[in-house]
Amino acid sequence: MTAREPRGMLREASHQIIAGGSAGLVEICLMHPLDVVKTRISGFYKGILPPIVAETPKRAVKFFTFEQYKKLLNLTPLSPGLALSVAGLGAGLTEAVVVNPFEVVKVSLQANRDSFAEQPSSFAQARRIINSEGFGLRGLNKGLTSTLGRHGVFNMIYFGFYFNVKDAIPSSPDPTLEFLRKFAIGLVSGTISSCVNIPFDVAKSRIQGPQPVPGEIKYRTCFQSMALVYREEGYLALYKGLVPKIMRLGPGGAVMLLVYEYVSGWLQKNW
């Protein structure tokens, strides 16, 4: 290996991380008002800093690991189309392992905010969870299996559908039409992914959120929670919150893919 090769690999990795972080940053800035308008009609960008701090590195991890898994899978006998979906699955599973402890802390703070005399910091709440329940599936990694399912399934479809369909539909020489072509494919990709993975999202919310009877754990594992919700509340309960999710992740998913591609292309030409 020559001295140039590590520098080239480092430059490529930095391009992927910067482009992925940029995708998350732009998506939050554009889509955050949609979250806010559900609860109030003013101050659209109030409270935007925490999502930016959380989502920017998360998206950098997602896109960077997708590219690494894609590169590894090119060495296997998998077809290129299938390899894209498997790389998306790997990226989603990796993202889930990274973000799940933060999700546990966030949900815990939201669920118990009325019981706090003074709102603790995320770090203090994480330490409290570790001291009382540990790092495992009852503590800081509660709901990990449902988070793995949520992110794994979403990203498997999200990346697989987008890149396979984009390659199948001829590109346009007109920059505006090409932008609209990519945006439409990304929109459909984000929408389908949201429809398929939402039962995992519902299970995650039930496991990580407050239990119906204090001190009694009703929702324990991913598929046990799905079966329980289906049996007690019906099929539609597994799709609760689908419309606002599609409104956010349909266009938001398209924005992220486009920003990633355009920023990545710009970095490759200029840096």
Protein backbone atom coordinates (compact mmCIF):
# COMPACT_ATOMS: atom_id res chain seq x y z
CA MET A 1 0.00 0.00 0.00
CA THR A 2 1.46 3.35 -1.01
CA ALA A 3 1.43 6.48 1.17
CA ARG A 4 -1.20 7.97 -1.11
CA GLU A 5 -3.72 5.20 -0.54
CA PRO A 6 -4.34 5.88 3.20
CA ARG A 7 -4.68 9.60 2.40
CA GLY A 8 -7.14 8.78 -0.38
CA MET A 9 -9.16 6.52 1.93
CA LEU A 10 -9.17 9.19 4.64
CA ARG A 11 -10.31 11.83 2.14
CA GLU A 12 -13.09 9.54 0.87
CA ALA A 13 -14.25 8.79 4.42
CA SER A 14 -14.23 12.50 5.32
CA HIS A 15 -16.32 13.25 2.20
CA GLN A 16 -18.90 10.65 3.27
CA ILE A 17 -19.04 11.89 6.86
CA ILE A 18 -19.31 15.56 5.87
CA ALA A 19 -21.93 14.85 3.20
CA GLY A 20 -23.94 12.65 5.59
CA GLY A 21 -23.77 15.22 8.38
CA SER A 22 -24.81 17.94 5.93
CA ALA A 23 -27.78 15.82 4.84
CA GLY A 24 -28.95 15.54 8.45
CA LEU A 25 -28.42 19.24 9.14
CA VAL A 26 -30.37 20.41 6.08
CA GLU A 27 -33.16 17.91 6.70
CA ILE A 28 -33.62 19.14 10.27
CA CYS A 29 -33.59 22.81 9.23
CA LEU A 30 -36.22 22.21 6.54
CA MET A 31 -38.46 19.71 8.36
CA HIS A 32 -38.28 20.94 11.99
CA PRO A 33 -41.13 23.45 11.49
CA LEU A 34 -43.37 20.50 10.57
CA ASP A 35 -42.81 19.06 14.05
CA VAL A 36 -43.41 22.43 15.69
CA VAL A 37 -46.61 23.28 13.81
CA LYS A 38 -48.28 20.19 15.29
CA THR A 39 -48.20 21.81 18.74
CA ARG A 40 -47.98 25.59 18.14
CA ILE A 41 -48.13 28.09 15.27
CA SER A 42 -45.27 30.40 16.15
CA GLY A 43 -41.56 30.06 16.77
CA PHE A 44 -41.03 27.47 14.05
CA TYR A 45 -37.33 27.12 14.85
CA LYS A 46 -37.67 27.10 18.63
CA GLY A 47 -35.84 24.11 20.10
CA ILE A 48 -34.01 23.28 16.88
CA LEU A 49 -30.52 23.05 18.44
CA PRO A 50 -30.94 19.67 20.25
CA PRO A 51 -32.21 17.91 17.09
CA ILE A 52 -29.31 19.37 15.09
CA VAL A 53 -26.79 18.16 17.68
CA ALA A 54 -28.37 14.68 17.72
CA GLU A 55 -29.27 14.18 14.07
CA THR A 56 -26.17 15.55 12.33
CA PRO A 57 -23.73 12.90 13.69
CA LYS A 58 -26.43 10.21 13.43
CA ARG A 59 -26.87 10.85 9.69
CA ALA A 60 -23.11 11.00 9.24
CA VAL A 61 -22.90 7.50 10.76
CA LYS A 62 -25.75 6.27 8.56
CA PHE A 63 -24.29 7.39 5.24
CA PHE A 64 -20.67 6.60 6.12
CA THR A 65 -21.46 3.03 7.20
CA PHE A 66 -23.70 2.53 4.15
CA GLU A 67 -20.76 3.35 1.89
CA GLN A 68 -18.44 1.04 3.84
CA TYR A 69 -20.87 -1.90 3.75
CA LYS A 70 -21.49 -1.26 0.05
CA LYS A 71 -17.75 -1.40 -0.63
CA LEU A 72 -17.41 -4.68 1.31
CA LEU A 73 -20.42 -6.25 -0.39
CA ASN A 74 -18.95 -5.48 -3.81
CA LEU A 75 -16.44 -8.23 -3.00
CA THR A 76 -19.23 -10.82 -2.56
CA PRO A 77 -21.24 -12.67 -5.23
CA LEU A 78 -24.38 -10.68 -4.36
CA SER A 79 -26.02 -8.85 -7.25
CA PRO A 80 -25.44 -5.06 -7.20
CA GLY A 81 -29.11 -4.37 -6.52
CA LEU A 82 -29.32 -6.76 -3.58
CA ALA A 83 -25.99 -5.52 -2.23
CA LEU A 84 -27.43 -2.00 -1.97
CA SER A 85 -30.33 -3.25 0.17
CA VAL A 86 -28.05 -5.36 2.39
CA ALA A 87 -25.69 -2.38 2.80
CA GLY A 88 -28.70 -0.30 3.84
CA LEU A 89 -29.68 -2.98 6.35
CA GLY A 90 -26.16 -2.98 7.80
CA ALA A 91 -26.12 0.82 8.01
CA GLY A 92 -29.49 0.81 9.77
CA LEU A 93 -28.41 -1.82 12.31
CA THR A 94 -25.21 0.09 13.05
CA GLU A 95 -27.14 3.35 13.40
CA ALA A 96 -29.58 1.64 15.79
CA VAL A 97 -26.82 0.43 18.12
CA VAL A 98 -25.39 3.96 18.24
CA VAL A 99 -28.64 5.86 18.78
CA ASN A 100 -30.64 3.53 21.05
CA PRO A 101 -29.12 4.71 24.37
CA PHE A 102 -29.87 8.32 23.37
CA GLU A 103 -33.45 7.32 22.52
CA VAL A 104 -33.87 5.66 25.93
CA VAL A 105 -32.67 8.80 27.71
CA LYS A 106 -34.85 11.09 25.55
CA VAL A 107 -38.01 9.01 26.09
CA SER A 108 -37.30 8.77 29.83
CA LEU A 109 -36.95 12.54 30.13
CA GLN A 110 -40.15 13.13 28.16
CA ALA A 111 -42.17 10.54 30.08
CA ASN A 112 -41.09 11.77 33.52
CA ARG A 113 -40.84 15.51 32.95
CA ASP A 114 -43.82 16.27 35.22
CA SER A 115 -42.24 14.37 38.12
CA PHE A 116 -38.96 16.31 38.10
CA ALA A 117 -38.61 19.24 40.49
CA GLU A 118 -35.82 20.38 38.19
CA GLN A 119 -35.30 18.96 34.70
CA PRO A 120 -32.06 16.91 34.74
CA SER A 121 -29.55 17.01 31.92
CA SER A 122 -29.40 14.12 29.45
CA PHE A 123 -26.09 13.03 31.00
CA ALA A 124 -27.53 13.03 34.53
CA GLN A 125 -30.57 11.02 33.37
CA ALA A 126 -28.33 8.51 31.58
CA ARG A 127 -26.29 8.05 34.76
CA ARG A 128 -29.50 7.57 36.76
CA ILE A 129 -30.71 4.86 34.33
CA ILE A 130 -27.32 3.08 34.46
CA ASN A 131 -27.23 3.17 38.27
CA SER A 132 -30.75 1.77 38.62
CA GLU A 133 -31.05 -0.62 35.64
CA GLY A 134 -27.56 -0.98 34.14
CA PHE A 135 -26.45 -0.97 30.50
CA GLY A 136 -28.50 -3.97 29.37
CA LEU A 137 -31.91 -4.49 27.79
CA ARG A 138 -33.69 -3.29 30.96
CA GLY A 139 -31.53 -0.20 31.24
CA LEU A 140 -29.69 2.01 28.78
CA ASN A 141 -30.34 -0.40 25.90
CA LYS A 142 -34.01 -1.01 26.60
CA GLY A 143 -35.91 -1.62 23.37
CA LEU A 144 -32.76 -2.35 21.36
CA THR A 145 -34.38 -5.13 19.31
CA SER A 146 -37.23 -2.89 18.20
CA THR A 147 -34.78 -0.07 17.40
CA LEU A 148 -32.71 -2.53 15.34
CA GLY A 149 -35.87 -3.52 13.48
CA ARG A 150 -36.97 0.08 12.99
CA HIS A 151 -33.66 1.33 11.59
CA GLY A 152 -32.66 -1.88 9.83
CA VAL A 153 -35.90 -2.31 7.87
CA PHE A 154 -36.19 1.41 7.09
CA ASN A 155 -32.69 1.76 5.69
CA MET A 156 -32.77 -1.55 3.82
CA ILE A 157 -35.76 -0.28 1.81
CA TYR A 158 -34.69 3.38 1.81
CA PHE A 159 -31.27 2.84 0.22
CA GLY A 160 -32.17 -0.25 -1.79
CA PHE A 161 -35.25 1.27 -3.41
CA TYR A 162 -33.70 4.68 -4.07
CA PHE A 163 -30.48 3.57 -5.75
CA ASN A 164 -32.03 0.66 -7.68
CA VAL A 165 -34.91 2.74 -9.04
CA LYS A 166 -32.65 5.72 -9.74
CA ASP A 167 -30.39 3.48 -11.82
CA ALA A 168 -33.39 1.98 -13.66
CA ILE A 169 -34.99 5.32 -14.66
CA PRO A 170 -32.96 7.25 -17.24
CA SER A 171 -31.42 10.49 -16.00
CA SER A 172 -32.29 13.83 -17.57
CA PRO A 173 -29.79 16.28 -19.06
CA ASP A 174 -31.91 19.12 -17.66
CA PRO A 175 -30.67 19.91 -14.11
CA THR A 176 -34.15 20.86 -12.87
CA LEU A 177 -35.78 17.71 -14.23
CA GLU A 178 -32.92 15.62 -12.86
CA PHE A 179 -33.39 17.17 -9.42
CA LEU A 180 -37.14 16.45 -9.57
CA ARG A 181 -36.49 12.87 -10.73
CA LYS A 182 -34.22 12.20 -7.75
CA PHE A 183 -36.54 13.99 -5.33
CA ALA A 184 -39.57 11.96 -6.48
CA ILE A 185 -37.69 8.66 -6.11
CA GLY A 186 -36.43 9.72 -2.66
CA LEU A 187 -39.94 10.75 -1.62
CA VAL A 188 -41.40 7.38 -2.60
CA SER A 189 -38.46 5.61 -0.93
CA GLY A 190 -38.97 7.42 2.37
CA THR A 191 -42.73 6.85 2.23
CA ILE A 192 -42.55 3.10 1.56
CA SER A 193 -39.86 2.65 4.22
CA SER A 194 -42.03 4.46 6.78
CA CYS A 195 -45.07 2.31 5.97
CA VAL A 196 -43.13 -0.94 6.36
CA ASN A 197 -41.17 -0.15 9.53
CA ILE A 198 -43.80 1.62 11.63
CA PRO A 199 -44.85 -1.50 13.62
CA PHE A 200 -41.27 -1.60 14.96
CA ASP A 201 -41.64 2.09 15.86
CA VAL A 202 -44.85 1.38 17.77
CA ALA A 203 -43.18 -1.51 19.63
CA LYS A 204 -40.20 0.68 20.48
CA SER A 205 -42.46 3.40 21.91
CA ARG A 206 -44.36 0.89 24.06
CA ILE A 207 -41.18 -0.74 25.40
CA GLN A 208 -39.22 2.46 26.11
CA GLY A 209 -42.18 4.55 27.24
CA PRO A 210 -44.04 4.39 30.57
CA GLN A 211 -45.81 1.07 31.19
CA PRO A 212 -49.62 1.08 31.70
CA VAL A 213 -49.29 -0.17 35.29
CA PRO A 214 -46.40 1.38 37.27
CA GLY A 215 -43.93 -1.23 38.44
CA GLU A 216 -45.31 -3.90 36.09
CA ILE A 217 -43.58 -4.50 32.75
CA LYS A 218 -46.19 -5.24 30.09
CA TYR A 219 -44.22 -4.62 26.90
CA ARG A 220 -40.98 -6.61 27.05
CA THR A 221 -39.68 -7.54 23.60
CA CYS A 222 -40.21 -6.35 20.05
CA PHE A 223 -42.44 -9.06 18.61
CA GLN A 224 -44.19 -9.75 21.93
CA SER A 225 -45.18 -6.07 22.01
CA MET A 226 -46.41 -6.15 18.39
CA ALA A 227 -48.50 -9.26 19.09
CA LEU A 228 -49.93 -7.72 22.26
CA VAL A 229 -50.88 -4.47 20.52
CA TYR A 230 -52.49 -6.42 17.67
CA ARG A 231 -54.43 -8.68 20.04
CA GLU A 232 -55.66 -5.94 22.37
CA GLU A 233 -56.05 -2.94 20.04
CA GLY A 234 -56.29 -4.34 16.53
CA TYR A 235 -54.21 -4.19 13.37
CA LEU A 236 -54.53 -0.43 12.87
CA ALA A 237 -52.89 0.28 16.24
CA LEU A 238 -49.61 -0.98 14.75
CA TYR A 239 -49.84 1.90 12.25
CA LYS A 240 -50.67 4.63 14.75
CA GLY A 241 -48.90 7.87 13.80
CA LEU A 242 -48.28 6.78 10.20
CA VAL A 243 -49.54 9.99 8.54
CA PRO A 244 -47.31 12.45 10.46
CA LYS A 245 -44.42 10.04 10.04
CA ILE A 246 -44.87 9.96 6.26
CA MET A 247 -45.22 13.75 6.18
CA ARG A 248 -41.86 14.01 7.91
CA LEU A 249 -39.84 11.11 6.52
CA GLY A 250 -41.20 11.14 2.96
CA PRO A 251 -39.92 14.57 1.95
CA GLY A 252 -37.25 14.50 4.66
CA GLY A 253 -35.84 11.25 3.28
CA ALA A 254 -35.73 12.75 -0.22
CA VAL A 255 -33.95 15.87 1.07
CA MET A 256 -31.28 13.81 2.83
CA LEU A 257 -30.49 11.68 -0.22
CA LEU A 258 -30.27 14.69 -2.52
CA VAL A 259 -28.14 16.74 -0.14
CA TYR A 260 -25.84 13.76 0.39
CA GLU A 261 -25.39 13.20 -3.34
CA TYR A 262 -24.87 16.86 -4.24
CA VAL A 263 -22.52 17.63 -1.33
CA SER A 264 -20.58 14.43 -1.96
CA GLY A 265 -20.26 15.29 -5.65
CA TRP A 266 -19.11 18.83 -4.84
CA LEU A 267 -16.50 17.56 -2.37
CA GLN A 268 -15.13 15.06 -4.88
CA LYS A 269 -14.67 17.81 -7.48
CA ASN A 270 -13.31 20.49 -5.17
CA TRP A 271 -11.47 18.67 -2.38
